[in-house]
C-alpha atoms as a PDB file:
ATOM      1  CA  UNK A   1     130.229 131.898 158.855  1.00  0.00           C
ATOM      2  CA  UNK A   2     131.116 128.699 158.188  1.00  0.00           C
ATOM      3  CA  UNK A   3     129.684 126.184 155.355  1.00  0.00           C
ATOM      4  CA  UNK A   4     129.199 123.435 157.774  1.00  0.00           C
ATOM      5  CA  UNK A   5     131.439 120.154 156.347  1.00  0.00           C
ATOM      6  CA  UNK A   6     129.521 116.844 155.955  1.00  0.00           C
ATOM      7  CA  UNK A   7     131.090 113.204 155.902  1.00  0.00           C
ATOM      8  CA  UNK A   8     128.778 112.019 153.449  1.00  0.00           C
ATOM      9  CA  UNK A   9     129.852 111.543 149.700  1.00  0.00           C
ATOM     10  CA  UNK A  10     127.914 112.433 147.133  1.00  0.00           C
ATOM     11  CA  UNK A  11     126.129 109.701 145.172  1.00  0.00           C
ATOM     12  CA  UNK A  12     127.673 109.064 141.959  1.00  0.00           C
ATOM     13  CA  UNK A  13     124.299 109.728 139.720  1.00  0.00           C
ATOM     14  CA  UNK A  14     124.790 108.419 136.257  1.00  0.00           C
ATOM     15  CA  UNK A  15     124.280 111.336 133.830  1.00  0.00           C
ATOM     16  CA  UNK A  16     122.173 108.702 131.417  1.00  0.00           C
ATOM     17  CA  UNK A  17     119.763 108.178 134.260  1.00  0.00           C
ATOM     18  CA  UNK A  18     119.554 111.987 135.003  1.00  0.00           C
ATOM     19  CA  UNK A  19     115.860 112.980 133.348  1.00  0.00           C
ATOM     20  CA  UNK A  20     115.713 114.989 130.538  1.00  0.00           C
ATOM     21  CA  UNK A  21     113.423 118.397 131.425  1.00  0.00           C
ATOM     22  CA  UNK A  22     109.958 118.233 128.805  1.00  0.00           C
ATOM     23  CA  UNK A  23     108.976 121.218 126.965  1.00  0.00           C
ATOM     24  CA  UNK A  24     105.397 121.768 126.736  1.00  0.00           C
ATOM     25  CA  UNK A  25     105.569 123.726 123.448  1.00  0.00           C
ATOM     26  CA  UNK A  26     106.779 120.217 121.490  1.00  0.00           C
ATOM     27  CA  UNK A  27     104.886 117.942 123.648  1.00  0.00           C
ATOM     28  CA  UNK A  28     103.149 117.174 120.300  1.00  0.00           C
ATOM     29  CA  UNK A  29     105.870 116.360 117.904  1.00  0.00           C
ATOM     30  CA  UNK A  30     106.501 113.057 117.004  1.00  0.00           C
ATOM     31  CA  UNK A  31     109.465 111.260 115.576  1.00  0.00           C
ATOM     32  CA  UNK A  32     109.994 110.438 112.300  1.00  0.00           C
ATOM     33  CA  UNK A  33     111.464 107.031 113.112  1.00  0.00           C
ATOM     34  CA  UNK A  34     109.380 104.732 110.738  1.00  0.00           C
ATOM     35  CA  UNK A  35     109.908 101.031 111.863  1.00  0.00           C
ATOM     36  CA  UNK A  36     107.243  99.216 109.993  1.00  0.00           C
ATOM     37  CA  UNK A  37     103.477  98.027 110.568  1.00  0.00           C
ATOM     38  CA  UNK A  38     102.827  97.714 114.947  1.00  0.00           C
ATOM     39  CA  UNK A  39      99.692  96.831 116.913  1.00  0.00           C
ATOM     40  CA  UNK A  40      99.724 100.238 117.620  1.00  0.00           C
ATOM     41  CA  UNK A  41      99.760 101.872 114.660  1.00  0.00           C
ATOM     42  CA  UNK A  42      97.512  99.529 113.329  1.00  0.00           C
ATOM     43  CA  UNK A  43      94.955 100.162 116.445  1.00  0.00           C
ATOM     44  CA  UNK A  44      95.527 104.136 114.976  1.00  0.00           C
ATOM     45  CA  UNK A  45      94.819 103.178 111.452  1.00  0.00           C
ATOM     46  CA  UNK A  46      91.687 101.532 112.421  1.00  0.00           C
ATOM     47  CA  UNK A  47      90.391 104.347 114.611  1.00  0.00           C
ATOM     48  CA  UNK A  48      90.959 106.780 111.464  1.00  0.00           C
ATOM     49  CA  UNK A  49      89.376 104.102 109.114  1.00  0.00           C
ATOM     50  CA  UNK A  50      86.197 103.591 111.839  1.00  0.00           C
ATOM     51  CA  UNK A  51      85.727 107.567 112.620  1.00  0.00           C
ATOM     52  CA  UNK A  52      85.809 108.156 108.241  1.00  0.00           C
ATOM     53  CA  UNK A  53      82.912 105.927 107.916  1.00  0.00           C
ATOM     54  CA  UNK A  54      79.605 107.041 107.389  1.00  0.00           C
ATOM     55  CA  UNK A  55      77.764 103.939 108.904  1.00  0.00           C
ATOM     56  CA  UNK A  56      75.679 104.069 111.705  1.00  0.00           C
ATOM     57  CA  UNK A  57      75.970 101.451 114.172  1.00  0.00           C
ATOM     58  CA  UNK A  58      73.080  99.696 113.864  1.00  0.00           C
ATOM     59  CA  UNK A  59      72.948  99.489 110.267  1.00  0.00           C
ATOM     60  CA  UNK A  60      73.998  96.476 108.511  1.00  0.00           C
ATOM     61  CA  UNK A  61      75.080  97.457 104.886  1.00  0.00           C
ATOM     62  CA  UNK A  62      77.196  99.837 103.696  1.00  0.00           C
ATOM     63  CA  UNK A  63      76.248 103.404 102.097  1.00  0.00           C
ATOM     64  CA  UNK A  64      76.476 103.699  98.925  1.00  0.00           C
ATOM     65  CA  UNK A  65      75.815 106.922  96.234  1.00  0.00           C
ATOM     66  CA  UNK A  66      73.758 107.963  94.371  1.00  0.00           C
ATOM     67  CA  UNK A  67      75.019 107.106  90.993  1.00  0.00           C
ATOM     68  CA  UNK A  68      76.052 103.544  91.890  1.00  0.00           C
ATOM     69  CA  UNK A  69      72.480 103.197  93.016  1.00  0.00           C
ATOM     70  CA  UNK A  70      71.188 104.072  89.658  1.00  0.00           C
ATOM     71  CA  UNK A  71      74.077 101.757  88.240  1.00  0.00           C
ATOM     72  CA  UNK A  72      72.888  98.590  90.315  1.00  0.00           C
ATOM     73  CA  UNK A  73      68.705  99.641  89.033  1.00  0.00           C
ATOM     74  CA  UNK A  74      69.719 100.119  85.354  1.00  0.00           C
ATOM     75  CA  UNK A  75      71.368  96.578  85.535  1.00  0.00           C
ATOM     76  CA  UNK A  76      68.750  94.769  87.119  1.00  0.00           C
ATOM     77  CA  UNK A  77      66.043  96.162  84.532  1.00  0.00           C
ATOM     78  CA  UNK A  78      68.445  94.958  82.011  1.00  0.00           C
ATOM     79  CA  UNK A  79      68.480  91.923  83.622  1.00  0.00           C
ATOM     80  CA  UNK A  80      64.606  91.612  84.347  1.00  0.00           C
ATOM     81  CA  UNK A  81      63.661  92.701  80.641  1.00  0.00           C
ATOM     82  CA  UNK A  82      66.194  90.031  79.194  1.00  0.00           C
ATOM     83  CA  UNK A  83      64.269  87.195  81.254  1.00  0.00           C
ATOM     84  CA  UNK A  84      60.829  88.816  80.310  1.00  0.00           C
ATOM     85  CA  UNK A  85      62.231  88.167  76.495  1.00  0.00           C
ATOM     86  CA  UNK A  86      63.690  85.020  77.242  1.00  0.00           C
ATOM     87  CA  UNK A  87      60.060  83.619  78.790  1.00  0.00           C
ATOM     88  CA  UNK A  88      58.007  84.884  76.345  1.00  0.00           C
ATOM     89  CA  UNK A  89      59.959  82.760  73.571  1.00  0.00           C
ATOM     90  CA  UNK A  90      59.497  79.661  75.025  1.00  0.00           C
END
């Protein structure tokens, strides 16, 4: 059995152009290099903020806690009572 001999020269492939095989075990691992703010980071952060909000698409106002609503009602009542006293003295 003889080995066929070819006159074609082998192509010289640059070692840096060689493709690195991917390991599916580490497919979700990201690099830890922080190069500062970029458009992709901004969009990801914006998407995370939008997902964490409880605001529905049709709502105009932001939601507030019950304690904040009570404080607001108390402040409005104080202002109204002050104005009623002021108008009553005139």
